[in-house]
Amino acid sequence: MKSAETKKTLSSEQREALLKKLQARFEEYINRHKDVDWSKVKTRLESKPAKLWSLHEMERTGGEPDVVAHDKKTGEYTFFDCSPESPDGRTSLCYDREGLESRKEHKPKNSAMDMAAEMGIEMLNEDQYRDLQMLGKFDRKSSSWVVAPDDIRKLGGALFGDRRYDRVFIYHNGAQSYYSGRGFRGSLKV
């Protein structure tokens, strides 16, 4: 049986295919990361196989990850899911494990917080979601869970965002809720 670490590695073919896809997206959407050099991003990615695996998971589930920030002090690059709509492979999920377990019937397969952790990424918080929306128009037909503050979560609530009427909205819902048009967007620092 393979260990968890073995499962979280990519074959050389998968790695090369992912790097080509990330480079093509990077070049197509240069407005998301002005003054960032792809060769430096690629070098950093190649030195971090676990992060590359997480990016592969973001891509595999429909997230279309792309570089959205560079921290010059740490050298880290931040990737967000930049798919036009909430990633297809991450919909119909309750907000978190507690919300999932509180459902009496019709439980979905997973929760957004658990799936993000399994992928090695973090869900976008409200500020990150608004930052993403400054880079383009996302979730015009779908919505995405965002990290809920503890005080809201303690009361059973959760937050999600979308773009309607050319404005970004953040709403509330019960954490046990799930919808086919709601997924989550992730963030990964490499």
C-alpha atoms as a PDB file:
ATOM      1  CA  MET A   1       0.000   0.000   0.000  1.00  0.00           C
ATOM      2  CA  LYS A   2       1.280   3.480  -0.908  1.00  0.00           C
ATOM      3  CA  SER A   3       1.979   5.972   1.834  1.00  0.00           C
ATOM      4  CA  ALA A   4       0.253   9.351   1.889  1.00  0.00           C
ATOM      5  CA  GLU A   5       3.484  11.005   0.745  1.00  0.00           C
ATOM      6  CA  THR A   6       3.849   8.658  -2.241  1.00  0.00           C
ATOM      7  CA  LYS A   7       0.296   9.406  -3.326  1.00  0.00           C
ATOM      8  CA  LYS A   8       1.021  13.134  -3.238  1.00  0.00           C
ATOM      9  CA  THR A   9       3.663  13.096  -5.941  1.00  0.00           C
ATOM     10  CA  LEU A  10       3.277  13.570  -9.659  1.00  0.00           C
ATOM     11  CA  SER A  11       4.829  11.530 -12.415  1.00  0.00           C
ATOM     12  CA  SER A  12       7.281  13.402 -14.618  1.00  0.00           C
ATOM     13  CA  GLU A  13       4.625  13.458 -17.379  1.00  0.00           C
ATOM     14  CA  GLN A  14       2.000  14.938 -15.031  1.00  0.00           C
ATOM     15  CA  ARG A  15       4.489  17.498 -13.741  1.00  0.00           C
ATOM     16  CA  GLU A  16       5.492  18.632 -17.237  1.00  0.00           C
ATOM     17  CA  ALA A  17       1.872  18.802 -18.443  1.00  0.00           C
ATOM     18  CA  LEU A  18       0.884  20.863 -15.402  1.00  0.00           C
ATOM     19  CA  LEU A  19       3.822  23.258 -15.773  1.00  0.00           C
ATOM     20  CA  LYS A  20       2.947  23.805 -19.457  1.00  0.00           C
ATOM     21  CA  LYS A  21      -0.689  24.494 -18.564  1.00  0.00           C
ATOM     22  CA  LEU A  22       0.272  26.879 -15.754  1.00  0.00           C
ATOM     23  CA  GLN A  23       2.718  28.705 -18.040  1.00  0.00           C
ATOM     24  CA  ALA A  24       0.121  29.089 -20.795  1.00  0.00           C
ATOM     25  CA  ARG A  25      -2.411  30.509 -18.309  1.00  0.00           C
ATOM     26  CA  PHE A  26       0.275  32.749 -16.772  1.00  0.00           C
ATOM     27  CA  GLU A  27       1.063  34.201 -20.208  1.00  0.00           C
ATOM     28  CA  GLU A  28      -2.608  34.544 -21.219  1.00  0.00           C
ATOM     29  CA  TYR A  29      -3.577  36.465 -18.061  1.00  0.00           C
ATOM     30  CA  ILE A  30      -0.476  38.585 -17.524  1.00  0.00           C
ATOM     31  CA  ASN A  31      -2.637  41.331 -15.952  1.00  0.00           C
ATOM     32  CA  ARG A  32      -2.996  39.130 -12.836  1.00  0.00           C
ATOM     33  CA  HIS A  33       0.738  39.213 -12.110  1.00  0.00           C
ATOM     34  CA  LYS A  34       2.493  42.143 -13.725  1.00  0.00           C
ATOM     35  CA  ASP A  35       6.235  42.252 -13.104  1.00  0.00           C
ATOM     36  CA  VAL A  36       6.415  38.528 -12.229  1.00  0.00           C
ATOM     37  CA  ASP A  37       8.855  36.391 -14.205  1.00  0.00           C
ATOM     38  CA  TRP A  38       7.546  32.936 -15.157  1.00  0.00           C
ATOM     39  CA  SER A  39      11.016  31.369 -15.102  1.00  0.00           C
ATOM     40  CA  LYS A  40      11.346  32.278 -11.396  1.00  0.00           C
ATOM     41  CA  VAL A  41       7.877  30.885 -10.650  1.00  0.00           C
ATOM     42  CA  LYS A  42       8.751  27.671 -12.484  1.00  0.00           C
ATOM     43  CA  THR A  43      12.055  27.284 -10.624  1.00  0.00           C
ATOM     44  CA  ARG A  44      10.267  27.686  -7.298  1.00  0.00           C
ATOM     45  CA  LEU A  45       7.538  25.218  -8.305  1.00  0.00           C
ATOM     46  CA  GLU A  46      10.072  22.603  -9.373  1.00  0.00           C
ATOM     47  CA  SER A  47      11.723  22.806  -5.947  1.00  0.00           C
ATOM     48  CA  LYS A  48       8.414  22.210  -4.109  1.00  0.00           C
ATOM     49  CA  PRO A  49       6.891  18.886  -5.280  1.00  0.00           C
ATOM     50  CA  ALA A  50       4.189  18.838  -2.576  1.00  0.00           C
ATOM     51  CA  LYS A  51       3.015  22.302  -3.666  1.00  0.00           C
ATOM     52  CA  LEU A  52       3.051  21.173  -7.281  1.00  0.00           C
ATOM     53  CA  TRP A  53       0.822  18.235  -6.278  1.00  0.00           C
ATOM     54  CA  SER A  54      -1.614  20.679  -4.628  1.00  0.00           C
ATOM     55  CA  LEU A  55      -1.666  22.815  -7.786  1.00  0.00           C
ATOM     56  CA  HIS A  56      -2.376  19.663  -9.759  1.00  0.00           C
ATOM     57  CA  GLU A  57      -5.355  18.996  -7.476  1.00  0.00           C
ATOM     58  CA  MET A  58      -6.567  22.569  -7.985  1.00  0.00           C
ATOM     59  CA  GLU A  59      -6.310  22.068 -11.739  1.00  0.00           C
ATOM     60  CA  ARG A  60      -7.839  18.562 -11.704  1.00  0.00           C
ATOM     61  CA  THR A  61     -10.935  19.815  -9.874  1.00  0.00           C
ATOM     62  CA  GLY A  62     -11.469  22.718 -12.285  1.00  0.00           C
ATOM     63  CA  GLY A  63      -9.883  25.603 -10.390  1.00  0.00           C
ATOM     64  CA  GLU A  64      -7.591  26.952 -13.118  1.00  0.00           C
ATOM     65  CA  PRO A  65      -4.936  28.167 -10.631  1.00  0.00           C
ATOM     66  CA  ASP A  66      -2.857  31.196 -11.514  1.00  0.00           C
ATOM     67  CA  VAL A  67      -0.320  33.465  -9.817  1.00  0.00           C
ATOM     68  CA  VAL A  68      -2.003  36.469  -8.202  1.00  0.00           C
ATOM     69  CA  ALA A  69       0.737  37.817  -5.899  1.00  0.00           C
ATOM     70  CA  HIS A  70       4.453  37.700  -5.161  1.00  0.00           C
ATOM     71  CA  ASP A  71       5.949  38.404  -1.744  1.00  0.00           C
ATOM     72  CA  LYS A  72       9.359  39.877  -2.452  1.00  0.00           C
ATOM     73  CA  LYS A  73      10.503  39.400   1.167  1.00  0.00           C
ATOM     74  CA  THR A  74       9.789  35.649   1.351  1.00  0.00           C
ATOM     75  CA  GLY A  75       9.958  34.907  -2.365  1.00  0.00           C
ATOM     76  CA  GLU A  76       6.573  33.170  -2.160  1.00  0.00           C
ATOM     77  CA  TYR A  77       4.111  33.220  -5.035  1.00  0.00           C
ATOM     78  CA  THR A  78       0.404  33.051  -4.244  1.00  0.00           C
ATOM     79  CA  PHE A  79      -1.917  31.086  -6.502  1.00  0.00           C
ATOM     80  CA  PHE A  80      -5.714  31.460  -6.463  1.00  0.00           C
ATOM     81  CA  ASP A  81      -8.318  29.445  -8.325  1.00  0.00           C
ATOM     82  CA  CYS A  82      -9.169  31.695 -11.272  1.00  0.00           C
ATOM     83  CA  SER A  83     -11.810  29.629 -13.072  1.00  0.00           C
ATOM     84  CA  PRO A  84     -14.666  31.830 -14.333  1.00  0.00           C
ATOM     85  CA  GLU A  85     -17.152  29.930 -12.159  1.00  0.00           C
ATOM     86  CA  SER A  86     -16.698  28.066  -8.887  1.00  0.00           C
ATOM     87  CA  PRO A  87     -14.676  24.913  -9.684  1.00  0.00           C
ATOM     88  CA  ASP A  88     -16.946  22.123 -10.998  1.00  0.00           C
ATOM     89  CA  GLY A  89     -15.080  19.387  -9.167  1.00  0.00           C
ATOM     90  CA  ARG A  90     -15.741  21.057  -5.811  1.00  0.00           C
ATOM     91  CA  THR A  91     -19.476  21.742  -5.728  1.00  0.00           C
ATOM     92  CA  SER A  92     -22.298  20.276  -3.629  1.00  0.00           C
ATOM     93  CA  LEU A  93     -20.273  20.484  -0.421  1.00  0.00           C
ATOM     94  CA  CYS A  94     -21.290  21.620   3.050  1.00  0.00           C
ATOM     95  CA  TYR A  95     -19.063  24.316   4.508  1.00  0.00           C
ATOM     96  CA  ASP A  96     -17.200  22.160   7.075  1.00  0.00           C
ATOM     97  CA  ARG A  97     -17.215  18.795   8.871  1.00  0.00           C
ATOM     98  CA  GLU A  98     -19.524  20.060  11.642  1.00  0.00           C
ATOM     99  CA  GLY A  99     -22.032  21.295   9.055  1.00  0.00           C
ATOM    100  CA  LEU A 100     -21.826  17.985   7.193  1.00  0.00           C
ATOM    101  CA  GLU A 101     -22.345  15.913  10.336  1.00  0.00           C
ATOM    102  CA  SER A 102     -25.307  18.044  11.409  1.00  0.00           C
ATOM    103  CA  ARG A 103     -27.298  16.996   8.342  1.00  0.00           C
ATOM    104  CA  LYS A 104     -29.861  14.314   9.135  1.00  0.00           C
ATOM    105  CA  GLU A 105     -30.334  13.201   5.530  1.00  0.00           C
ATOM    106  CA  HIS A 106     -29.126  13.851   1.991  1.00  0.00           C
ATOM    107  CA  LYS A 107     -25.549  14.324   3.114  1.00  0.00           C
ATOM    108  CA  PRO A 108     -23.123  15.407   0.398  1.00  0.00           C
ATOM    109  CA  LYS A 109     -19.887  13.525  -0.163  1.00  0.00           C
ATOM    110  CA  ASN A 110     -17.648  16.000   1.658  1.00  0.00           C
ATOM    111  CA  SER A 111     -17.229  19.503   3.054  1.00  0.00           C
ATOM    112  CA  ALA A 112     -15.379  22.412   1.495  1.00  0.00           C
ATOM    113  CA  MET A 113     -12.982  22.836   4.439  1.00  0.00           C
ATOM    114  CA  ASP A 114     -12.129  19.114   4.506  1.00  0.00           C
ATOM    115  CA  MET A 115     -11.592  18.955   0.759  1.00  0.00           C
ATOM    116  CA  ALA A 116      -9.329  22.023   0.840  1.00  0.00           C
ATOM    117  CA  ALA A 117      -7.238  20.417   3.601  1.00  0.00           C
ATOM    118  CA  GLU A 118      -7.004  17.137   1.635  1.00  0.00           C
ATOM    119  CA  MET A 119      -5.759  19.127  -1.373  1.00  0.00           C
ATOM    120  CA  GLY A 120      -3.169  20.979   0.714  1.00  0.00           C
ATOM    121  CA  ILE A 121      -4.729  24.393   0.041  1.00  0.00           C
ATOM    122  CA  GLU A 122      -6.690  26.970   2.003  1.00  0.00           C
ATOM    123  CA  MET A 123     -10.110  28.332   1.143  1.00  0.00           C
ATOM    124  CA  LEU A 124     -10.166  32.004   0.221  1.00  0.00           C
ATOM    125  CA  ASN A 125     -11.233  34.336   2.991  1.00  0.00           C
ATOM    126  CA  GLU A 126     -13.510  37.304   2.354  1.00  0.00           C
ATOM    127  CA  ASP A 127     -10.653  39.740   1.673  1.00  0.00           C
ATOM    128  CA  GLN A 128      -8.940  37.313  -0.713  1.00  0.00           C
ATOM    129  CA  TYR A 129     -12.243  36.733  -2.516  1.00  0.00           C
ATOM    130  CA  ARG A 130     -12.654  40.470  -3.019  1.00  0.00           C
ATOM    131  CA  ASP A 131      -9.010  40.697  -4.196  1.00  0.00           C
ATOM    132  CA  LEU A 132      -9.704  37.960  -6.740  1.00  0.00           C
ATOM    133  CA  GLN A 133     -12.725  39.868  -8.024  1.00  0.00           C
ATOM    134  CA  MET A 134     -10.469  42.862  -8.689  1.00  0.00           C
ATOM    135  CA  LEU A 135      -8.602  40.708 -11.250  1.00  0.00           C
ATOM    136  CA  GLY A 136     -11.669  39.771 -13.294  1.00  0.00           C
ATOM    137  CA  LYS A 137     -15.327  38.819 -13.132  1.00  0.00           C
ATOM    138  CA  PHE A 138     -15.767  35.528 -11.306  1.00  0.00           C
ATOM    139  CA  ASP A 139     -18.800  33.565 -10.074  1.00  0.00           C
ATOM    140  CA  ARG A 140     -21.351  35.347 -12.252  1.00  0.00           C
ATOM    141  CA  LYS A 141     -23.517  32.192 -12.350  1.00  0.00           C
ATOM    142  CA  SER A 142     -22.170  30.266  -9.362  1.00  0.00           C
ATOM    143  CA  SER A 143     -21.073  31.070  -5.813  1.00  0.00           C
ATOM    144  CA  SER A 144     -18.116  30.068  -3.646  1.00  0.00           C
ATOM    145  CA  TRP A 145     -17.794  29.371   0.064  1.00  0.00           C
ATOM    146  CA  VAL A 146     -15.334  31.701   1.820  1.00  0.00           C
ATOM    147  CA  VAL A 147     -13.783  31.264   5.260  1.00  0.00           C
ATOM    148  CA  ALA A 148     -16.297  32.354   7.902  1.00  0.00           C
ATOM    149  CA  PRO A 149     -15.178  34.265  10.989  1.00  0.00           C
ATOM    150  CA  ASP A 150     -15.350  32.258  14.218  1.00  0.00           C
ATOM    151  CA  ASP A 151     -18.214  34.308  15.659  1.00  0.00           C
ATOM    152  CA  ILE A 152     -20.422  33.540  12.648  1.00  0.00           C
ATOM    153  CA  ARG A 153     -19.398  29.891  12.574  1.00  0.00           C
ATOM    154  CA  LYS A 154     -20.132  29.428  16.307  1.00  0.00           C
ATOM    155  CA  LEU A 155     -23.728  30.429  15.582  1.00  0.00           C
ATOM    156  CA  GLY A 156     -24.037  27.810  12.818  1.00  0.00           C
ATOM    157  CA  GLY A 157     -23.459  30.157   9.913  1.00  0.00           C
ATOM    158  CA  ALA A 158     -21.053  30.267   7.022  1.00  0.00           C
ATOM    159  CA  LEU A 159     -20.268  32.762   4.253  1.00  0.00           C
ATOM    160  CA  PHE A 160     -20.186  32.625   0.478  1.00  0.00           C
ATOM    161  CA  GLY A 161     -19.610  35.132  -2.264  1.00  0.00           C
ATOM    162  CA  ASP A 162     -20.580  35.765  -5.859  1.00  0.00           C
ATOM    163  CA  ARG A 163     -20.758  38.530  -8.465  1.00  0.00           C
ATOM    164  CA  ARG A 164     -24.172  39.766  -9.552  1.00  0.00           C
ATOM    165  CA  TYR A 165     -25.195  43.019 -11.208  1.00  0.00           C
ATOM    166  CA  ASP A 166     -21.479  43.741 -11.631  1.00  0.00           C
ATOM    167  CA  ARG A 167     -20.999  43.869  -7.833  1.00  0.00           C
ATOM    168  CA  VAL A 168     -19.376  41.432  -5.419  1.00  0.00           C
ATOM    169  CA  PHE A 169     -21.678  40.173  -2.673  1.00  0.00           C
ATOM    170  CA  ILE A 170     -20.874  38.229   0.476  1.00  0.00           C
ATOM    171  CA  TYR A 171     -23.842  36.367   1.948  1.00  0.00           C
ATOM    172  CA  HIS A 172     -24.589  33.998   4.782  1.00  0.00           C
ATOM    173  CA  ASN A 173     -26.018  30.502   4.845  1.00  0.00           C
ATOM    174  CA  GLY A 174     -26.157  27.621   7.291  1.00  0.00           C
ATOM    175  CA  ALA A 175     -22.928  25.619   7.253  1.00  0.00           C
ATOM    176  CA  GLN A 176     -24.934  22.452   6.575  1.00  0.00           C
ATOM    177  CA  SER A 177     -26.237  23.866   3.272  1.00  0.00           C
ATOM    178  CA  TYR A 178     -24.958  22.715  -0.089  1.00  0.00           C
ATOM    179  CA  TYR A 179     -25.825  23.529  -3.684  1.00  0.00           C
ATOM    180  CA  SER A 180     -24.781  22.256  -7.086  1.00  0.00           C
ATOM    181  CA  GLY A 181     -23.808  25.797  -8.058  1.00  0.00           C
ATOM    182  CA  ARG A 182     -21.647  26.473  -4.999  1.00  0.00           C
ATOM    183  CA  GLY A 183     -18.105  25.270  -4.536  1.00  0.00           C
ATOM    184  CA  PHE A 184     -15.034  26.901  -3.086  1.00  0.00           C
ATOM    185  CA  ARG A 185     -11.913  28.629  -4.330  1.00  0.00           C
ATOM    186  CA  GLY A 186      -8.501  27.919  -2.935  1.00  0.00           C
ATOM    187  CA  SER A 187      -5.247  29.677  -2.242  1.00  0.00           C
ATOM    188  CA  LEU A 188      -1.757  28.211  -2.225  1.00  0.00           C
ATOM    189  CA  LYS A 189       1.538  29.876  -1.346  1.00  0.00           C
ATOM    190  CA  VAL A 190       4.586  28.409  -3.051  1.00  0.00           C
END
